[in-house]
Amino acid sequence: MGSYLRIVLSILITVILLPPVSADILEYRIEGTINEGTYIAVKEAIEKAEKEGFTTVLLIIDTPGGLVSSTEKIISEIFDSRVPVLAYVPPGAFSASAGSLIVVSSNVAGMANGTSIGAATPISTGLGEPRVEDKIVNYLASYAKSIAEKRGRNATAIERFVTHAYSAPASEAYRYNIIDVLADSKSEFLKKADGMEVETSSGKVVLDTAEQRIVIYGESLRVKIYNLLSSPELASILLIIGIYGLIYGLTSPGMGAEVLGAISLILALFGLGVINVNYMGVVLILLGILFLVAEFLTPTYGVLGAASVVCIVLGTLMLYSEPLMPRDFYQSFTMLVGGLGLGIGAIMTFGIIKIMQIKRAKKKVGAEALIGRKGKVMSFSDGEGIAKFNGELWKIMSDDDLKEGDIVVIVGRDGLILRVKKYEG
């Protein structure tokens, strides 16, 4: 019996100490707007697959688009991966703009019936209708074509994603060699991809995906932080709060506004560091700050303060040059940032101007602070008496004939004695 227990314990210890057997497929879902957090997640997933022996990385795509720089880095990670990277657009999802470029960059691209791909025409932020810029169109069209050529896909159709906002339903995308597999479920997609030969950075690989286990990649804390801070909406709000908070704090120290402003600015700059910036927006924001400073130095009764708010809000709206963001983003972004910016800017500018006006006002001291105050006579005889001013009793003297209860006004001061005259109100 003792020998049997020793054998069982030995087996258990061996099993516990052995490293876990890796699942064959590592899955990560790209959904919502593509940003720097998405890139980091894809990078970490591919690194995990390479390090831990996963045979395949599966990207489930459901995105309307996102940041250009993040999309380009994701595609570079896919091209450099030593393990095959598959992309699948499941039922009910869609792959537009930046998402479509990620799909066609994968080793095997699949879509479910009823989904679509494409619509990658670049547009820009700003006031009015989002517009196309030829310089960016030409660059992204060339980029999309090079991706298609590298993967042996229909370069002409994929180039039209950018130049003509072409959007293809799944069946058409399959027929025109934009994607490789048409499948109505993830398992069907993996079965159809099984046995395909693909090219990775380490050479050709034959896929074995039919019966493999799938592990879902869980986002790290770093990914979640980047997802939050690289949001253009949040970065814009933090920028506005940071500018006005810092100025407000410097004009009225001790309230903590300068700390809030500095933290907000640091977080905003962190987010802006991974977003393409339009320098005209930067110029308008700097001009708005100069207007606000000029309001302090040369009071204009709020004229320059109002100009400051307008410049900072317009600059923020024009700040981003992200042509692959979803089209709906531009309307919601304008409403959110414009509304909050005008509200916060107007309130903070009004407060800052008032503080500076108070500081500039001449402080009255001594007799000047008393002249003009009214009081009530408590007693009076022989040109002197006592009167109450704002609850305080003062000695008074006057050439007028005063009596108890008369209202007097201060006209001067001799030491601790106030000179008054009868108030003729």
Protein backbone atom coordinates (compact mmCIF):
# COMPACT_ATOMS: atom_id res chain seq x y z
CA MET A 1 0.00 0.00 0.00
CA GLY A 2 2.83 2.41 0.86
CA SER A 3 4.57 1.62 -2.44
CA TYR A 4 1.33 2.35 -4.32
CA LEU A 5 0.95 5.74 -2.61
CA ARG A 6 4.53 6.62 -3.45
CA ILE A 7 3.91 5.87 -7.14
CA VAL A 8 0.71 7.94 -7.20
CA LEU A 9 2.42 10.88 -5.45
CA SER A 10 5.36 10.65 -7.86
CA ILE A 11 3.03 10.80 -10.85
CA LEU A 12 1.10 13.77 -9.38
CA ILE A 13 4.29 15.70 -8.65
CA THR A 14 5.57 15.05 -12.16
CA VAL A 15 2.31 16.25 -13.71
CA ILE A 16 2.28 19.39 -11.57
CA LEU A 17 5.90 20.26 -12.33
CA LEU A 18 5.59 19.70 -16.09
CA PRO A 19 4.86 22.87 -18.08
CA PRO A 20 1.31 22.99 -19.39
CA VAL A 21 0.76 21.79 -22.93
CA SER A 22 0.01 24.82 -25.10
CA ALA A 23 -3.23 25.04 -26.99
CA ASP A 24 -2.74 25.18 -30.73
CA ILE A 25 -4.67 28.35 -31.58
CA LEU A 26 -4.46 31.68 -29.74
CA GLU A 27 -7.45 33.93 -30.41
CA TYR A 28 -7.76 37.69 -30.00
CA ARG A 29 -10.82 39.75 -30.90
CA ILE A 30 -10.29 43.16 -32.52
CA GLU A 31 -13.47 45.11 -31.92
CA GLY A 32 -14.36 48.77 -31.72
CA THR A 33 -12.00 51.51 -32.82
CA ILE A 34 -8.44 50.39 -33.57
CA ASN A 35 -5.93 52.27 -31.41
CA GLU A 36 -2.55 51.84 -29.77
CA GLY A 37 -4.03 49.41 -27.25
CA THR A 38 -5.17 47.19 -30.13
CA TYR A 39 -1.67 47.17 -31.57
CA ILE A 40 -0.07 46.25 -28.24
CA ALA A 41 -2.60 43.44 -27.76
CA VAL A 42 -1.90 41.98 -31.22
CA LYS A 43 1.85 42.29 -30.64
CA GLU A 44 1.62 40.56 -27.26
CA ALA A 45 -0.62 37.82 -28.68
CA ILE A 46 1.83 37.05 -31.49
CA GLU A 47 4.80 37.10 -29.09
CA LYS A 48 2.94 34.75 -26.75
CA ALA A 49 2.14 32.40 -29.64
CA GLU A 50 5.78 32.32 -30.77
CA LYS A 51 7.14 31.86 -27.24
CA GLU A 52 4.69 29.26 -25.99
CA GLY A 53 4.40 27.13 -29.09
CA PHE A 54 0.95 28.03 -30.41
CA THR A 55 0.66 26.98 -34.03
CA THR A 56 -1.71 29.76 -35.11
CA VAL A 57 -2.98 33.20 -34.11
CA LEU A 58 -6.62 33.83 -34.94
CA LEU A 59 -7.87 37.43 -35.13
CA ILE A 60 -11.64 37.88 -34.95
CA ILE A 61 -12.40 41.20 -36.67
CA ASP A 62 -15.32 43.49 -35.85
CA THR A 63 -14.20 47.09 -36.32
CA PRO A 64 -15.24 50.24 -38.20
CA GLY A 65 -11.65 51.53 -38.46
CA GLY A 66 -9.15 53.41 -36.33
CA LEU A 67 -5.74 55.07 -36.05
CA VAL A 68 -3.46 54.83 -39.10
CA SER A 69 -0.22 54.46 -37.14
CA SER A 70 -1.65 51.66 -34.99
CA THR A 71 -3.04 49.87 -38.06
CA GLU A 72 0.32 50.04 -39.83
CA LYS A 73 2.09 48.61 -36.79
CA ILE A 74 -0.45 45.78 -36.49
CA ILE A 75 0.09 44.86 -40.15
CA SER A 76 3.87 44.94 -39.65
CA GLU A 77 3.50 42.55 -36.70
CA ILE A 78 1.42 40.18 -38.86
CA PHE A 79 4.01 40.26 -41.66
CA ASP A 80 6.88 39.66 -39.20
CA SER A 81 5.12 36.86 -37.31
CA ARG A 82 6.78 33.44 -37.28
CA VAL A 83 3.41 31.79 -36.74
CA PRO A 84 0.52 32.02 -39.22
CA VAL A 85 -2.00 34.77 -38.51
CA LEU A 86 -5.58 34.15 -39.61
CA ALA A 87 -8.34 36.79 -39.72
CA TYR A 88 -12.06 36.07 -39.65
CA VAL A 89 -15.10 38.39 -39.81
CA PRO A 90 -17.88 36.48 -37.99
CA PRO A 91 -21.66 36.78 -38.57
CA GLY A 92 -23.04 40.15 -37.50
CA ALA A 93 -19.61 41.81 -37.54
CA PHE A 94 -18.07 44.11 -40.12
CA SER A 95 -14.60 45.06 -41.28
CA ALA A 96 -14.34 48.59 -42.62
CA SER A 97 -11.56 51.07 -43.28
CA ALA A 98 -8.48 50.13 -41.20
CA GLY A 99 -10.07 46.80 -40.30
CA SER A 100 -10.27 45.78 -43.95
CA LEU A 101 -6.51 46.33 -44.37
CA ILE A 102 -5.80 44.10 -41.37
CA VAL A 103 -8.01 41.34 -42.81
CA VAL A 104 -6.27 41.32 -46.21
CA SER A 105 -2.83 41.39 -44.56
CA SER A 106 -3.43 38.07 -42.77
CA ASN A 107 -2.15 34.72 -44.03
CA VAL A 108 -5.70 33.44 -44.44
CA ALA A 109 -8.69 35.81 -44.57
CA GLY A 110 -12.25 34.61 -44.03
CA MET A 111 -15.70 36.17 -43.79
CA ALA A 112 -19.21 35.03 -42.96
CA ASN A 113 -22.08 35.57 -45.36
CA GLY A 114 -23.84 38.84 -44.65
CA THR A 115 -20.67 40.70 -43.67
CA SER A 116 -18.72 43.23 -45.75
CA ILE A 117 -15.22 44.56 -46.21
CA GLY A 118 -13.68 47.75 -47.60
CA ALA A 119 -14.71 51.44 -47.46
CA ALA A 120 -11.21 52.65 -46.60
CA THR A 121 -11.39 56.09 -48.24
CA PRO A 122 -9.50 58.51 -45.96
CA ILE A 123 -11.33 61.47 -44.42
CA SER A 124 -10.17 64.18 -42.06
CA THR A 125 -11.44 65.95 -39.00
CA GLY A 126 -12.52 69.55 -38.83
CA LEU A 127 -15.64 71.59 -39.29
CA GLY A 128 -18.22 70.68 -41.91
CA GLU A 129 -18.41 67.51 -43.98
CA PRO A 130 -15.41 65.17 -43.65
CA ARG A 131 -13.36 65.48 -46.83
CA VAL A 132 -10.90 63.46 -48.84
CA GLU A 133 -7.30 64.60 -49.15
CA ASP A 134 -5.53 63.50 -52.35
CA LYS A 135 -2.09 63.20 -50.77
CA ILE A 136 -3.33 60.78 -48.11
CA VAL A 137 -5.50 58.90 -50.61
CA ASN A 138 -2.50 58.23 -52.85
CA TYR A 139 -0.38 57.02 -49.95
CA LEU A 140 -3.01 54.70 -48.50
CA ALA A 141 -3.98 53.37 -51.95
CA SER A 142 -0.35 52.46 -52.58
CA TYR A 143 -0.09 50.91 -49.13
CA ALA A 144 -3.25 48.82 -49.60
CA LYS A 145 -2.03 47.65 -53.02
CA SER A 146 1.33 46.56 -51.59
CA ILE A 147 -0.44 44.52 -48.87
CA ALA A 148 -2.60 42.80 -51.49
CA GLU A 149 0.40 42.00 -53.68
CA LYS A 150 2.35 40.54 -50.76
CA ARG A 151 -0.52 38.18 -49.92
CA GLY A 152 -1.39 37.39 -53.55
CA ARG A 153 -4.83 38.97 -53.36
CA ASN A 154 -6.78 41.12 -55.84
CA ALA A 155 -4.71 44.30 -55.71
CA THR A 156 -7.03 46.27 -58.02
CA ALA A 157 -10.13 45.64 -55.89
CA ILE A 158 -8.30 46.29 -52.62
CA GLU A 159 -6.82 49.52 -53.98
CA ARG A 160 -10.39 50.63 -54.78
CA PHE A 161 -11.18 50.28 -51.04
CA VAL A 162 -9.20 53.51 -50.70
CA THR A 163 -9.68 55.34 -54.01
CA HIS A 164 -13.40 54.66 -54.56
CA ALA A 165 -14.67 53.69 -51.08
CA TYR A 166 -15.42 50.27 -52.57
CA SER A 167 -17.15 47.93 -50.14
CA ALA A 168 -17.61 44.27 -51.01
CA PRO A 169 -20.05 41.81 -49.43
CA ALA A 170 -18.53 38.51 -48.31
CA SER A 171 -19.63 36.51 -51.37
CA GLU A 172 -18.20 39.13 -53.74
CA ALA A 173 -14.98 39.42 -51.76
CA TYR A 174 -14.55 35.64 -52.04
CA ARG A 175 -15.36 35.59 -55.75
CA TYR A 176 -12.88 38.40 -56.52
CA ASN A 177 -10.02 36.89 -54.47
CA ILE A 178 -10.08 39.54 -51.76
CA ILE A 179 -10.47 36.84 -49.11
CA ASP A 180 -9.67 33.13 -49.08
CA VAL A 181 -12.54 31.49 -47.20
CA LEU A 182 -16.30 31.94 -47.00
CA ALA A 183 -17.58 30.40 -43.76
CA ASP A 184 -20.62 31.00 -41.56
CA SER A 185 -18.93 30.03 -38.29
CA LYS A 186 -15.50 30.11 -36.73
CA SER A 187 -15.24 26.32 -36.66
CA GLU A 188 -16.16 26.13 -40.36
CA PHE A 189 -13.52 28.74 -41.14
CA LEU A 190 -10.84 26.78 -39.28
CA LYS A 191 -11.84 23.54 -41.04
CA LYS A 192 -11.63 25.17 -44.46
CA ALA A 193 -8.27 26.76 -43.62
CA ASP A 194 -6.90 23.37 -42.53
CA GLY A 195 -4.20 22.08 -44.88
CA MET A 196 -3.55 25.42 -46.60
CA GLU A 197 0.08 26.35 -47.16
CA VAL A 198 0.99 29.89 -46.06
CA GLU A 199 4.13 32.01 -45.97
CA THR A 200 5.36 33.34 -42.61
CA SER A 201 8.52 35.26 -41.74
CA SER A 202 10.18 31.93 -40.88
CA GLY A 203 9.12 30.15 -44.07
CA LYS A 204 6.24 28.14 -45.48
CA VAL A 205 3.83 26.43 -43.08
CA VAL A 206 0.97 23.98 -43.69
CA LEU A 207 -1.96 24.86 -41.44
CA ASP A 208 -3.37 22.31 -39.02
CA THR A 209 -6.47 24.05 -37.67
CA ALA A 210 -9.37 21.61 -38.01
CA GLU A 211 -9.44 20.03 -34.54
CA GLN A 212 -7.22 22.26 -32.47
CA ARG A 213 -8.05 23.81 -29.13
CA ILE A 214 -8.52 27.56 -28.87
CA VAL A 215 -7.29 29.82 -26.05
CA ILE A 216 -8.61 33.37 -25.78
CA TYR A 217 -5.93 36.00 -25.28
CA GLY A 218 -6.71 38.17 -22.24
CA GLU A 219 -5.79 41.83 -22.47
CA SER A 220 -3.07 43.05 -20.11
CA LEU A 221 -3.38 46.13 -17.90
CA ARG A 222 -1.02 47.95 -20.25
CA VAL A 223 -3.38 47.28 -23.17
CA LYS A 224 -6.37 48.59 -21.22
CA ILE A 225 -4.52 51.79 -20.27
CA TYR A 226 -3.49 52.43 -23.88
CA ASN A 227 -7.02 51.67 -25.06
CA LEU A 228 -8.28 54.42 -22.76
CA LEU A 229 -5.63 57.09 -23.27
CA SER A 230 -5.26 56.75 -27.06
CA SER A 231 -8.92 57.58 -27.53
CA PRO A 232 -9.06 60.92 -29.44
CA GLU A 233 -12.17 61.96 -27.50
CA LEU A 234 -10.54 61.48 -24.09
CA ALA A 235 -7.23 63.00 -25.21
CA SER A 236 -9.10 66.11 -26.41
CA ILE A 237 -11.04 66.53 -23.17
CA LEU A 238 -7.88 66.04 -21.09
CA LEU A 239 -6.08 68.61 -23.25
CA ILE A 240 -8.78 71.26 -22.70
CA ILE A 241 -8.98 70.54 -18.95
CA GLY A 242 -5.18 70.58 -18.75
CA ILE A 243 -4.77 73.96 -20.46
CA TYR A 244 -7.41 75.78 -18.44
CA GLY A 245 -6.64 73.94 -15.21
CA LEU A 246 -2.98 74.89 -15.40
CA ILE A 247 -3.70 78.55 -16.20
CA TYR A 248 -6.39 78.78 -13.52
CA GLY A 249 -4.05 77.19 -10.98
CA LEU A 250 -1.22 79.59 -11.79
CA THR A 251 -3.50 82.61 -11.41
CA SER A 252 -4.99 81.39 -8.14
CA PRO A 253 -2.50 78.97 -6.50
CA GLY A 254 -3.43 76.82 -3.56
CA MET A 255 -6.67 75.40 -4.94
CA GLY A 256 -5.07 72.36 -6.61
CA ALA A 257 -6.19 73.33 -10.13
CA GLU A 258 -2.59 73.49 -11.32
CA VAL A 259 -1.99 69.88 -10.20
CA LEU A 260 -5.13 68.68 -12.00
CA GLY A 261 -4.13 70.67 -15.07
CA ALA A 262 -0.59 69.29 -15.15
CA ILE A 263 -1.77 65.68 -14.75
CA SER A 264 -4.42 66.15 -17.43
CA LEU A 265 -1.88 67.67 -19.83
CA ILE A 266 0.59 64.82 -19.28
CA LEU A 267 -2.11 62.21 -19.94
CA ALA A 268 -3.32 64.15 -23.00
CA LEU A 269 0.20 64.38 -24.44
CA PHE A 270 0.65 60.66 -23.76
CA GLY A 271 -2.44 59.94 -25.85
CA LEU A 272 -1.49 62.46 -28.54
CA GLY A 273 1.88 60.75 -28.86
CA VAL A 274 0.25 57.81 -30.67
CA ILE A 275 -2.21 59.90 -32.73
CA ASN A 276 -1.35 61.71 -35.96
CA VAL A 277 -1.60 65.45 -35.31
CA ASN A 278 -2.61 68.29 -37.64
CA TYR A 279 -0.23 71.19 -37.00
CA MET A 280 -2.86 73.79 -37.90
CA GLY A 281 -4.78 72.57 -34.85
CA VAL A 282 -1.65 72.98 -32.71
CA VAL A 283 -1.20 76.57 -33.99
CA LEU A 284 -4.81 77.46 -33.12
CA ILE A 285 -4.46 76.03 -29.60
CA LEU A 286 -1.25 78.01 -29.01
CA LEU A 287 -2.94 81.13 -30.38
CA GLY A 288 -5.84 80.58 -27.97
CA ILE A 289 -3.41 80.39 -25.03
CA LEU A 290 -1.72 83.62 -26.16
CA PHE A 291 -5.11 85.35 -26.37
CA LEU A 292 -5.89 84.30 -22.81
CA VAL A 293 -2.53 85.59 -21.55
CA ALA A 294 -3.10 88.84 -23.43
CA GLU A 295 -6.48 89.18 -21.70
CA PHE A 296 -4.68 89.15 -18.35
CA LEU A 297 -2.12 91.76 -19.36
CA THR A 298 -4.40 94.13 -21.29
CA PRO A 299 -7.97 93.84 -20.02
CA THR A 300 -10.46 93.83 -22.90
CA TYR A 301 -13.57 92.98 -20.89
CA GLY A 302 -13.53 89.38 -22.10
CA VAL A 303 -13.05 89.95 -25.86
CA LEU A 304 -9.67 88.19 -26.01
CA GLY A 305 -10.94 85.60 -23.51
CA ALA A 306 -13.80 84.70 -25.86
CA ALA A 307 -11.38 84.56 -28.80
CA SER A 308 -9.21 82.23 -26.72
CA VAL A 309 -12.08 79.80 -26.14
CA VAL A 310 -12.97 79.76 -29.86
CA CYS A 311 -9.34 79.17 -30.94
CA ILE A 312 -8.73 76.37 -28.44
CA VAL A 313 -11.97 74.55 -29.32
CA LEU A 314 -11.43 74.92 -33.10
CA GLY A 315 -7.80 73.84 -32.69
CA THR A 316 -8.88 70.75 -30.77
CA LEU A 317 -11.45 69.84 -33.43
CA MET A 318 -8.79 70.19 -36.14
CA LEU A 319 -6.03 68.56 -34.09
CA TYR A 320 -6.25 65.03 -35.44
CA SER A 321 -5.20 63.76 -38.84
CA GLU A 322 -6.57 60.22 -38.71
CA PRO A 323 -8.04 59.32 -42.12
CA LEU A 324 -9.08 55.74 -41.29
CA MET A 325 -11.30 56.51 -38.32
CA PRO A 326 -14.95 55.46 -38.81
CA ARG A 327 -17.09 58.11 -40.50
CA ASP A 328 -19.53 58.32 -37.56
CA PHE A 329 -16.59 59.26 -35.34
CA TYR A 330 -16.30 62.72 -36.88
CA GLN A 331 -19.88 63.73 -36.07
CA SER A 332 -19.82 62.43 -32.50
CA PHE A 333 -16.32 63.82 -31.96
CA THR A 334 -17.36 67.31 -33.11
CA MET A 335 -20.43 67.34 -30.89
CA LEU A 336 -18.63 65.99 -27.82
CA VAL A 337 -15.45 68.06 -27.98
CA GLY A 338 -17.18 71.18 -29.30
CA GLY A 339 -19.84 71.16 -26.59
CA LEU A 340 -17.55 70.30 -23.70
CA GLY A 341 -14.81 72.58 -24.95
CA LEU A 342 -17.08 75.60 -25.23
CA GLY A 343 -18.64 74.90 -21.84
CA ILE A 344 -15.41 74.27 -19.94
CA GLY A 345 -13.54 77.00 -21.79
CA ALA A 346 -16.19 79.65 -21.22
CA ILE A 347 -16.54 78.87 -17.50
CA MET A 348 -12.81 78.66 -16.85
CA THR A 349 -11.99 81.77 -18.91
CA PHE A 350 -14.67 83.77 -17.09
CA GLY A 351 -13.28 82.63 -13.72
CA ILE A 352 -9.68 83.38 -14.68
CA ILE A 353 -10.57 86.87 -15.98
CA LYS A 354 -12.50 87.68 -12.79
CA ILE A 355 -9.60 86.55 -10.60
CA MET A 356 -7.18 88.73 -12.54
CA GLN A 357 -9.54 91.72 -12.37
CA ILE A 358 -9.78 91.34 -8.59
CA LYS A 359 -6.01 91.15 -8.29
CA ARG A 360 -5.60 94.23 -10.46
CA ALA A 361 -8.18 96.23 -8.50
CA LYS A 362 -6.66 98.82 -6.18
CA LYS A 363 -7.15 97.87 -2.57
CA LYS A 364 -8.47 100.68 -0.44
CA VAL A 365 -6.90 101.10 2.99
CA GLY A 366 -7.11 103.56 5.98
CA ALA A 367 -9.52 106.46 5.73
CA GLU A 368 -10.34 105.72 2.08
CA ALA A 369 -11.94 102.48 3.16
CA LEU A 370 -14.33 104.35 5.51
CA ILE A 371 -15.32 107.41 3.49
CA GLY A 372 -18.84 107.15 2.19
CA ARG A 373 -20.11 104.65 4.75
CA LYS A 374 -23.38 105.42 6.48
CA GLY A 375 -24.14 104.99 10.15
CA LYS A 376 -26.59 105.84 12.92
CA VAL A 377 -25.99 108.39 15.67
CA MET A 378 -26.18 106.87 19.14
CA SER A 379 -25.45 110.08 21.07
CA PHE A 380 -24.28 113.62 20.19
CA SER A 381 -23.56 116.91 21.98
CA ASP A 382 -21.22 119.88 21.57
CA GLY A 383 -20.09 118.76 18.11
CA GLU A 384 -19.01 115.26 19.22
CA GLY A 385 -20.69 111.93 19.86
CA ILE A 386 -20.89 108.22 19.13
CA ALA A 387 -22.26 106.51 16.00
CA LYS A 388 -22.56 102.91 14.83
CA PHE A 389 -21.15 101.88 11.46
CA ASN A 390 -21.61 98.27 10.31
CA GLY A 391 -22.02 97.14 13.91
CA GLU A 392 -18.96 99.05 15.13
CA LEU A 393 -19.06 102.06 17.49
CA TRP A 394 -16.92 105.04 16.49
CA LYS A 395 -16.32 108.51 17.94
CA ILE A 396 -17.62 111.17 15.62
CA MET A 397 -17.47 114.91 15.22
CA SER A 398 -19.56 117.14 13.00
CA ASP A 399 -20.48 120.77 12.35
CA ASP A 400 -24.10 119.72 11.85
CA ASP A 401 -26.66 119.75 14.61
CA LEU A 402 -27.20 116.01 15.14
CA LYS A 403 -29.39 114.05 17.45
CA GLU A 404 -29.81 110.39 18.43
CA GLY A 405 -31.16 108.30 15.54
CA ASP A 406 -29.93 110.57 12.76
CA ILE A 407 -28.24 108.89 9.73
CA VAL A 408 -24.80 110.25 8.98
CA VAL A 409 -22.19 109.64 6.30
CA ILE A 410 -18.41 109.62 6.85
CA VAL A 411 -16.55 112.39 5.04
CA GLY A 412 -13.13 112.12 6.67
CA ARG A 413 -11.08 110.84 9.56
CA ASP A 414 -8.82 112.35 12.20
CA GLY A 415 -7.01 109.47 13.88
CA LEU A 416 -9.67 107.44 15.67
CA ILE A 417 -12.35 110.11 15.27
CA LEU A 418 -14.55 110.15 12.20
CA ARG A 419 -15.77 113.39 10.65
CA VAL A 420 -19.35 113.04 9.54
CA LYS A 421 -22.23 115.02 8.14
CA LYS A 422 -25.94 114.47 8.20
CA TYR A 423 -27.13 112.20 5.41
CA GLU A 424 -29.69 113.93 3.22
CA GLY A 425 -31.11 110.88 1.48
